[in-house]
Amino acid sequence: DTAVYYCAATRRGNSYGTVYTRRSEYDYW
C-alpha cells in the first residue's frame, strides 16, 4: 500500500448515483 495518495474531484455529469474510476475523468487533483 506504500504510495503517494492523491485526492481527485470531478464535475462530470450531474447524477448523484455515479462514480468515476479513470484518471482522465478527473479535473482537479
PDB file of all heavy atoms in Angstrom:
ATOM      1  N   ASP A   1       0.823  -1.209   0.000  1.00  0.00           N
ATOM      2  CA  ASP A   1       0.000   0.000   0.000  1.00  0.00           C
ATOM      3  C   ASP A   1       0.857   1.259   0.000  1.00  0.00           C
ATOM      4  O   ASP A   1       0.329   2.374  -0.104  1.00  0.00           O
ATOM      5  CB  ASP A   1      -0.919   0.022   1.221  1.00  0.00           C
ATOM      6  CG  ASP A   1      -1.936  -1.100   1.210  1.00  0.00           C
ATOM      7  OD1 ASP A   1      -2.523  -1.364   0.134  1.00  0.00           O
ATOM      8  OD2 ASP A   1      -2.146  -1.719   2.271  1.00  0.00           O
ATOM      9  N   THR A   2       2.166   1.115   0.111  1.00  0.00           N
ATOM     10  CA  THR A   2       3.067   2.265   0.109  1.00  0.00           C
ATOM     11  C   THR A   2       2.972   3.005  -1.214  1.00  0.00           C
ATOM     12  O   THR A   2       3.142   2.414  -2.285  1.00  0.00           O
ATOM     13  CB  THR A   2       4.509   1.814   0.355  1.00  0.00           C
ATOM     14  OG1 THR A   2       4.609   1.267   1.676  1.00  0.00           O
ATOM     15  CG2 THR A   2       5.475   2.984   0.216  1.00  0.00           C
ATOM     16  N   ALA A   3       2.675   4.307  -1.131  1.00  0.00           N
ATOM     17  CA  ALA A   3       2.488   5.123  -2.337  1.00  0.00           C
ATOM     18  C   ALA A   3       2.200   6.556  -1.915  1.00  0.00           C
ATOM     19  O   ALA A   3       1.972   6.833  -0.731  1.00  0.00           O
ATOM     20  CB  ALA A   3       1.324   4.594  -3.179  1.00  0.00           C
ATOM     21  N   VAL A   4       2.192   7.438  -2.901  1.00  0.00           N
ATOM     22  CA  VAL A   4       1.633   8.775  -2.698  1.00  0.00           C
ATOM     23  C   VAL A   4       0.148   8.683  -3.023  1.00  0.00           C
ATOM     24  O   VAL A   4      -0.229   8.189  -4.093  1.00  0.00           O
ATOM     25  CB  VAL A   4       2.320   9.819  -3.587  1.00  0.00           C
ATOM     26  CG1 VAL A   4       1.663  11.189  -3.385  1.00  0.00           C
ATOM     27  CG2 VAL A   4       3.815   9.884  -3.280  1.00  0.00           C
ATOM     28  N   TYR A   5      -0.663   9.146  -2.098  1.00  0.00           N
ATOM     29  CA  TYR A   5      -2.115   9.089  -2.259  1.00  0.00           C
ATOM     30  C   TYR A   5      -2.629  10.465  -2.659  1.00  0.00           C
ATOM     31  O   TYR A   5      -2.311  11.470  -2.010  1.00  0.00           O
ATOM     32  CB  TYR A   5      -2.773   8.623  -0.965  1.00  0.00           C
ATOM     33  CG  TYR A   5      -2.632   7.134  -0.759  1.00  0.00           C
ATOM     34  CD1 TYR A   5      -1.398   6.569  -0.457  1.00  0.00           C
ATOM     35  CD2 TYR A   5      -3.729   6.287  -0.884  1.00  0.00           C
ATOM     36  CE1 TYR A   5      -1.244   5.203  -0.300  1.00  0.00           C
ATOM     37  CE2 TYR A   5      -3.597   4.922  -0.723  1.00  0.00           C
ATOM     38  CZ  TYR A   5      -2.358   4.387  -0.435  1.00  0.00           C
ATOM     39  OH  TYR A   5      -2.215   3.023  -0.277  1.00  0.00           O
ATOM     40  N   TYR A   6      -3.437  10.483  -3.723  1.00  0.00           N
ATOM     41  CA  TYR A   6      -3.975  11.717  -4.277  1.00  0.00           C
ATOM     42  C   TYR A   6      -5.494  11.732  -4.178  1.00  0.00           C
ATOM     43  O   TYR A   6      -6.155  10.739  -4.497  1.00  0.00           O
ATOM     44  CB  TYR A   6      -3.587  11.863  -5.745  1.00  0.00           C
ATOM     45  CG  TYR A   6      -2.109  11.988  -6.005  1.00  0.00           C
ATOM     46  CD1 TYR A   6      -1.335  10.859  -6.242  1.00  0.00           C
ATOM     47  CD2 TYR A   6      -1.491  13.235  -6.016  1.00  0.00           C
ATOM     48  CE1 TYR A   6       0.027  10.964  -6.486  1.00  0.00           C
ATOM     49  CE2 TYR A   6      -0.129  13.349  -6.263  1.00  0.00           C
ATOM     50  CZ  TYR A   6       0.619  12.215  -6.496  1.00  0.00           C
ATOM     51  OH  TYR A   6       1.960  12.332  -6.740  1.00  0.00           O
ATOM     52  N   CYS A   7      -6.013  12.870  -3.799  1.00  0.00           N
ATOM     53  CA  CYS A   7      -7.449  13.124  -3.833  1.00  0.00           C
ATOM     54  C   CYS A   7      -7.778  13.757  -5.184  1.00  0.00           C
ATOM     55  O   CYS A   7      -6.992  14.557  -5.705  1.00  0.00           O
ATOM     56  CB  CYS A   7      -7.797  14.075  -2.688  1.00  0.00           C
ATOM     57  SG  CYS A   7      -9.516  14.597  -2.619  1.00  0.00           S
ATOM     58  N   ALA A   8      -8.934  13.403  -5.741  1.00  0.00           N
ATOM     59  CA  ALA A   8      -9.337  13.944  -7.034  1.00  0.00           C
ATOM     60  C   ALA A   8     -10.821  14.276  -7.019  1.00  0.00           C
ATOM     61  O   ALA A   8     -11.599  13.655  -6.295  1.00  0.00           O
ATOM     62  CB  ALA A   8      -9.033  12.952  -8.143  1.00  0.00           C
ATOM     63  N   ALA A   9     -11.193  15.254  -7.847  1.00  0.00           N
ATOM     64  CA  ALA A   9     -12.583  15.698  -7.920  1.00  0.00           C
ATOM     65  C   ALA A   9     -12.973  15.946  -9.367  1.00  0.00           C
ATOM     66  O   ALA A   9     -12.150  16.347 -10.188  1.00  0.00           O
ATOM     67  CB  ALA A   9     -12.769  16.975  -7.108  1.00  0.00           C
ATOM     68  N   THR A  10     -14.244  15.691  -9.669  1.00  0.00           N
ATOM     69  CA  THR A  10     -14.744  15.973 -10.998  1.00  0.00           C
ATOM     70  C   THR A  10     -16.166  16.494 -10.934  1.00  0.00           C
ATOM     71  O   THR A  10     -16.950  16.067 -10.087  1.00  0.00           O
ATOM     72  CB  THR A  10     -14.679  14.735 -11.909  1.00  0.00           C
ATOM     73  OG1 THR A  10     -15.165  15.092 -13.219  1.00  0.00           O
ATOM     74  CG2 THR A  10     -15.532  13.600 -11.376  1.00  0.00           C
ATOM     75  N   ARG A  11     -16.512  17.397 -11.882  1.00  0.00           N
ATOM     76  CA  ARG A  11     -17.884  17.868 -12.043  1.00  0.00           C
ATOM     77  C   ARG A  11     -18.602  17.118 -13.148  1.00  0.00           C
ATOM     78  O   ARG A  11     -19.741  17.425 -13.464  1.00  0.00           O
ATOM     79  CB  ARG A  11     -17.877  19.367 -12.386  1.00  0.00           C
ATOM     80  CG  ARG A  11     -17.743  20.268 -11.183  1.00  0.00           C
ATOM     81  CD  ARG A  11     -17.581  21.722 -11.564  1.00  0.00           C
ATOM     82  NE  ARG A  11     -18.521  22.170 -12.575  1.00  0.00           N
ATOM     83  CZ  ARG A  11     -18.572  23.428 -13.038  1.00  0.00           C
ATOM     84  NH1 ARG A  11     -17.732  24.314 -12.555  1.00  0.00           N
ATOM     85  NH2 ARG A  11     -19.425  23.779 -13.960  1.00  0.00           N
ATOM     86  N   ARG A  12     -17.964  16.094 -13.689  1.00  0.00           N
ATOM     87  CA  ARG A  12     -18.517  15.332 -14.813  1.00  0.00           C
ATOM     88  C   ARG A  12     -19.922  14.843 -14.515  1.00  0.00           C
ATOM     89  O   ARG A  12     -20.199  14.315 -13.427  1.00  0.00           O
ATOM     90  CB  ARG A  12     -17.598  14.149 -15.112  1.00  0.00           C
ATOM     91  CG  ARG A  12     -18.048  13.236 -16.221  1.00  0.00           C
ATOM     92  CD  ARG A  12     -17.037  12.115 -16.400  1.00  0.00           C
ATOM     93  NE  ARG A  12     -15.750  12.636 -16.848  1.00  0.00           N
ATOM     94  CZ  ARG A  12     -15.369  12.708 -18.121  1.00  0.00           C
ATOM     95  NH1 ARG A  12     -16.190  12.276 -19.057  1.00  0.00           N
ATOM     96  NH2 ARG A  12     -14.194  13.187 -18.447  1.00  0.00           N
ATOM     97  N   GLY A  13     -20.835  15.025 -15.463  1.00  0.00           N
ATOM     98  CA  GLY A  13     -22.193  14.546 -15.311  1.00  0.00           C
ATOM     99  C   GLY A  13     -22.951  15.324 -14.253  1.00  0.00           C
ATOM    100  O   GLY A  13     -22.460  16.319 -13.712  1.00  0.00           O
ATOM    101  N   ASN A  14     -24.150  14.869 -13.933  1.00  0.00           N
ATOM    102  CA  ASN A  14     -24.912  15.505 -12.865  1.00  0.00           C
ATOM    103  C   ASN A  14     -25.691  14.490 -12.027  1.00  0.00           C
ATOM    104  O   ASN A  14     -26.539  14.872 -11.207  1.00  0.00           O
ATOM    105  CB  ASN A  14     -25.882  16.553 -13.434  1.00  0.00           C
ATOM    106  CG  ASN A  14     -26.773  15.955 -14.508  1.00  0.00           C
ATOM    107  OD1 ASN A  14     -26.913  14.742 -14.601  1.00  0.00           O
ATOM    108  ND2 ASN A  14     -27.369  16.792 -15.328  1.00  0.00           N
ATOM    109  N   SER A  15     -25.387  13.218 -12.203  1.00  0.00           N
ATOM    110  CA  SER A  15     -26.074  12.191 -11.432  1.00  0.00           C
ATOM    111  C   SER A  15     -25.509  12.102 -10.025  1.00  0.00           C
ATOM    112  O   SER A  15     -24.306  12.265  -9.817  1.00  0.00           O
ATOM    113  CB  SER A  15     -25.923  10.843 -12.131  1.00  0.00           C
ATOM    114  OG  SER A  15     -26.343   9.789 -11.290  1.00  0.00           O
ATOM    115  N   TYR A  16     -26.389  11.814  -9.065  1.00  0.00           N
ATOM    116  CA  TYR A  16     -25.952  11.573  -7.703  1.00  0.00           C
ATOM    117  C   TYR A  16     -25.676  10.093  -7.452  1.00  0.00           C
ATOM    118  O   TYR A  16     -25.310   9.705  -6.349  1.00  0.00           O
ATOM    119  CB  TYR A  16     -26.980  12.102  -6.703  1.00  0.00           C
ATOM    120  CG  TYR A  16     -26.771  13.562  -6.384  1.00  0.00           C
ATOM    121  CD1 TYR A  16     -26.906  14.538  -7.352  1.00  0.00           C
ATOM    122  CD2 TYR A  16     -26.404  13.952  -5.100  1.00  0.00           C
ATOM    123  CE1 TYR A  16     -26.694  15.871  -7.064  1.00  0.00           C
ATOM    124  CE2 TYR A  16     -26.183  15.287  -4.798  1.00  0.00           C
ATOM    125  CZ  TYR A  16     -26.329  16.241  -5.785  1.00  0.00           C
ATOM    126  OH  TYR A  16     -26.096  17.559  -5.491  1.00  0.00           O
ATOM    127  N   GLY A  17     -25.852   9.278  -8.477  1.00  0.00           N
ATOM    128  CA  GLY A  17     -25.647   7.842  -8.323  1.00  0.00           C
ATOM    129  C   GLY A  17     -24.539   7.294  -9.181  1.00  0.00           C
ATOM    130  O   GLY A  17     -24.583   6.119  -9.589  1.00  0.00           O
ATOM    131  N   THR A  18     -23.542   8.107  -9.466  1.00  0.00           N
ATOM    132  CA  THR A  18     -22.460   7.709 -10.363  1.00  0.00           C
ATOM    133  C   THR A  18     -21.113   7.936  -9.712  1.00  0.00           C
ATOM    134  O   THR A  18     -20.920   8.911  -8.976  1.00  0.00           O
ATOM    135  CB  THR A  18     -22.532   8.527 -11.669  1.00  0.00           C
ATOM    136  OG1 THR A  18     -23.804   8.307 -12.279  1.00  0.00           O
ATOM    137  CG2 THR A  18     -21.429   8.118 -12.638  1.00  0.00           C
ATOM    138  N   VAL A  19     -20.170   7.024  -9.990  1.00  0.00           N
ATOM    139  CA  VAL A  19     -18.773   7.240  -9.632  1.00  0.00           C
ATOM    140  C   VAL A  19     -17.950   7.101 -10.903  1.00  0.00           C
ATOM    141  O   VAL A  19     -18.391   6.510 -11.891  1.00  0.00           O
ATOM    142  CB  VAL A  19     -18.280   6.239  -8.567  1.00  0.00           C
ATOM    143  CG1 VAL A  19     -19.016   6.440  -7.256  1.00  0.00           C
ATOM    144  CG2 VAL A  19     -18.415   4.791  -9.059  1.00  0.00           C
ATOM    145  N   TYR A  20     -16.758   7.651 -10.874  1.00  0.00           N
ATOM    146  CA  TYR A  20     -15.827   7.570 -11.989  1.00  0.00           C
ATOM    147  C   TYR A  20     -14.523   6.969 -11.487  1.00  0.00           C
ATOM    148  O   TYR A  20     -14.084   7.267 -10.372  1.00  0.00           O
ATOM    149  CB  TYR A  20     -15.587   8.953 -12.595  1.00  0.00           C
ATOM    150  CG  TYR A  20     -16.858   9.581 -13.092  1.00  0.00           C
ATOM    151  CD1 TYR A  20     -17.529  10.540 -12.344  1.00  0.00           C
ATOM    152  CD2 TYR A  20     -17.414   9.186 -14.307  1.00  0.00           C
ATOM    153  CE1 TYR A  20     -18.712  11.096 -12.789  1.00  0.00           C
ATOM    154  CE2 TYR A  20     -18.598   9.739 -14.753  1.00  0.00           C
ATOM    155  CZ  TYR A  20     -19.247  10.689 -13.992  1.00  0.00           C
ATOM    156  OH  TYR A  20     -20.420  11.228 -14.434  1.00  0.00           O
ATOM    157  N   THR A  21     -13.924   6.117 -12.332  1.00  0.00           N
ATOM    158  CA  THR A  21     -12.751   5.380 -11.875  1.00  0.00           C
ATOM    159  C   THR A  21     -11.517   5.596 -12.732  1.00  0.00           C
ATOM    160  O   THR A  21     -10.457   5.060 -12.422  1.00  0.00           O
ATOM    161  CB  THR A  21     -13.052   3.873 -11.837  1.00  0.00           C
ATOM    162  OG1 THR A  21     -13.380   3.428 -13.157  1.00  0.00           O
ATOM    163  CG2 THR A  21     -14.196   3.574 -10.891  1.00  0.00           C
ATOM    164  N   ARG A  22     -11.627   6.372 -13.794  1.00  0.00           N
ATOM    165  CA  ARG A  22     -10.484   6.607 -14.680  1.00  0.00           C
ATOM    166  C   ARG A  22      -9.814   7.925 -14.338  1.00  0.00           C
ATOM    167  O   ARG A  22     -10.492   8.937 -14.097  1.00  0.00           O
ATOM    168  CB  ARG A  22     -10.936   6.617 -16.136  1.00  0.00           C
ATOM    169  CG  ARG A  22     -11.555   5.324 -16.608  1.00  0.00           C
ATOM    170  CD  ARG A  22     -12.059   5.440 -18.028  1.00  0.00           C
ATOM    171  NE  ARG A  22     -12.721   4.226 -18.472  1.00  0.00           N
ATOM    172  CZ  ARG A  22     -13.354   4.108 -19.638  1.00  0.00           C
ATOM    173  NH1 ARG A  22     -13.386   5.119 -20.472  1.00  0.00           N
ATOM    174  NH2 ARG A  22     -13.922   2.977 -19.962  1.00  0.00           N
ATOM    175  N   ARG A  23      -8.515   7.926 -14.368  1.00  0.00           N
ATOM    176  CA  ARG A  23      -7.769   9.131 -14.066  1.00  0.00           C
ATOM    177  C   ARG A  23      -8.188  10.280 -14.986  1.00  0.00           C
ATOM    178  O   ARG A  23      -8.301  11.429 -14.534  1.00  0.00           O
ATOM    179  CB  ARG A  23      -6.273   8.850 -14.209  1.00  0.00           C
ATOM    180  CG  ARG A  23      -5.374  10.024 -13.906  1.00  0.00           C
ATOM    181  CD  ARG A  23      -3.926   9.627 -14.049  1.00  0.00           C
ATOM    182  NE  ARG A  23      -3.046  10.778 -13.871  1.00  0.00           N
ATOM    183  CZ  ARG A  23      -1.731  10.729 -13.925  1.00  0.00           C
ATOM    184  NH1 ARG A  23      -1.124   9.573 -14.141  1.00  0.00           N
ATOM    185  NH2 ARG A  23      -1.006  11.819 -13.763  1.00  0.00           N
ATOM    186  N   SER A  24      -8.453   9.976 -16.254  1.00  0.00           N
ATOM    187  CA  SER A  24      -8.788  11.004 -17.239  1.00  0.00           C
ATOM    188  C   SER A  24     -10.135  11.659 -16.970  1.00  0.00           C
ATOM    189  O   SER A  24     -10.446  12.702 -17.547  1.00  0.00           O
ATOM    190  CB  SER A  24      -8.780  10.406 -18.644  1.00  0.00           C
ATOM    191  OG  SER A  24      -9.749   9.378 -18.753  1.00  0.00           O
ATOM    192  N   GLU A  25     -10.950  11.054 -16.112  1.00  0.00           N
ATOM    193  CA  GLU A  25     -12.270  11.597 -15.826  1.00  0.00           C
ATOM    194  C   GLU A  25     -12.253  12.648 -14.724  1.00  0.00           C
ATOM    195  O   GLU A  25     -13.286  13.246 -14.441  1.00  0.00           O
ATOM    196  CB  GLU A  25     -13.215  10.451 -15.449  1.00  0.00           C
ATOM    197  CG  GLU A  25     -13.492   9.497 -16.609  1.00  0.00           C
ATOM    198  CD  GLU A  25     -14.297   8.278 -16.217  1.00  0.00           C
ATOM    199  OE1 GLU A  25     -13.986   7.664 -15.170  1.00  0.00           O
ATOM    200  OE2 GLU A  25     -15.234   7.919 -16.955  1.00  0.00           O
ATOM    201  N   TYR A  26     -11.107  12.859 -14.124  1.00  0.00           N
ATOM    202  CA  TYR A  26     -10.997  13.807 -13.023  1.00  0.00           C
ATOM    203  C   TYR A  26     -10.267  15.073 -13.455  1.00  0.00           C
ATOM    204  O   TYR A  26      -9.274  15.022 -14.176  1.00  0.00           O
ATOM    205  CB  TYR A  26     -10.300  13.154 -11.827  1.00  0.00           C
ATOM    206  CG  TYR A  26     -11.228  12.184 -11.143  1.00  0.00           C
ATOM    207  CD1 TYR A  26     -11.320  10.865 -11.575  1.00  0.00           C
ATOM    208  CD2 TYR A  26     -12.052  12.601 -10.116  1.00  0.00           C
ATOM    209  CE1 TYR A  26     -12.212   9.983 -10.982  1.00  0.00           C
ATOM    210  CE2 TYR A  26     -12.936  11.725  -9.509  1.00  0.00           C
ATOM    211  CZ  TYR A  26     -13.021  10.422  -9.952  1.00  0.00           C
ATOM    212  OH  TYR A  26     -13.912   9.565  -9.367  1.00  0.00           O
ATOM    213  N   ASP A  27     -10.801  16.197 -12.999  1.00  0.00           N
ATOM    214  CA  ASP A  27     -10.304  17.503 -13.420  1.00  0.00           C
ATOM    215  C   ASP A  27      -9.390  18.160 -12.398  1.00  0.00           C
ATOM    216  O   ASP A  27      -8.556  18.999 -12.765  1.00  0.00           O
ATOM    217  CB  ASP A  27     -11.492  18.447 -13.671  1.00  0.00           C
ATOM    218  CG  ASP A  27     -12.496  17.854 -14.636  1.00  0.00           C
ATOM    219  OD1 ASP A  27     -12.086  17.473 -15.742  1.00  0.00           O
ATOM    220  OD2 ASP A  27     -13.682  17.762 -14.274  1.00  0.00           O
ATOM    221  N   TYR A  28      -9.572  17.838 -11.140  1.00  0.00           N
ATOM    222  CA  TYR A  28      -8.858  18.534 -10.073  1.00  0.00           C
ATOM    223  C   TYR A  28      -8.148  17.520  -9.188  1.00  0.00           C
ATOM    224  O   TYR A  28      -8.719  16.476  -8.852  1.00  0.00           O
ATOM    225  CB  TYR A  28      -9.825  19.381  -9.244  1.00  0.00           C
ATOM    226  CG  TYR A  28     -10.604  20.353 -10.078  1.00  0.00           C
ATOM    227  CD1 TYR A  28     -11.918  20.092 -10.439  1.00  0.00           C
ATOM    228  CD2 TYR A  28     -10.017  21.528 -10.541  1.00  0.00           C
ATOM    229  CE1 TYR A  28     -12.629  20.968 -11.227  1.00  0.00           C
ATOM    230  CE2 TYR A  28     -10.721  22.418 -11.323  1.00  0.00           C
ATOM    231  CZ  TYR A  28     -12.025  22.131 -11.667  1.00  0.00           C
ATOM    232  OH  TYR A  28     -12.715  22.998 -12.458  1.00  0.00           O
ATOM    233  N   TRP A  29      -6.931  17.873  -8.789  1.00  0.00           N
ATOM    234  CA  TRP A  29      -6.084  16.969  -8.022  1.00  0.00           C
ATOM    235  C   TRP A  29      -5.426  17.715  -6.863  1.00  0.00           C
ATOM    236  O   TRP A  29      -5.071  18.896  -6.991  1.00  0.00           O
ATOM    237  CB  TRP A  29      -4.980  16.377  -8.907  1.00  0.00           C
ATOM    238  CG  TRP A  29      -5.518  15.503  -9.989  1.00  0.00           C
ATOM    239  CD1 TRP A  29      -5.984  15.897 -11.217  1.00  0.00           C
ATOM    240  CD2 TRP A  29      -5.675  14.082  -9.934  1.00  0.00           C
ATOM    241  NE1 TRP A  29      -6.416  14.802 -11.917  1.00  0.00           N
ATOM    242  CE2 TRP A  29      -6.235  13.684 -11.173  1.00  0.00           C
ATOM    243  CE3 TRP A  29      -5.400  13.113  -8.971  1.00  0.00           C
ATOM    244  CZ2 TRP A  29      -6.522  12.342 -11.470  1.00  0.00           C
ATOM    245  CZ3 TRP A  29      -5.680  11.795  -9.269  1.00  0.00           C
ATOM    246  CH2 TRP A  29      -6.229  11.421 -10.497  1.00  0.00           C
TER     247      TRP A  29
END
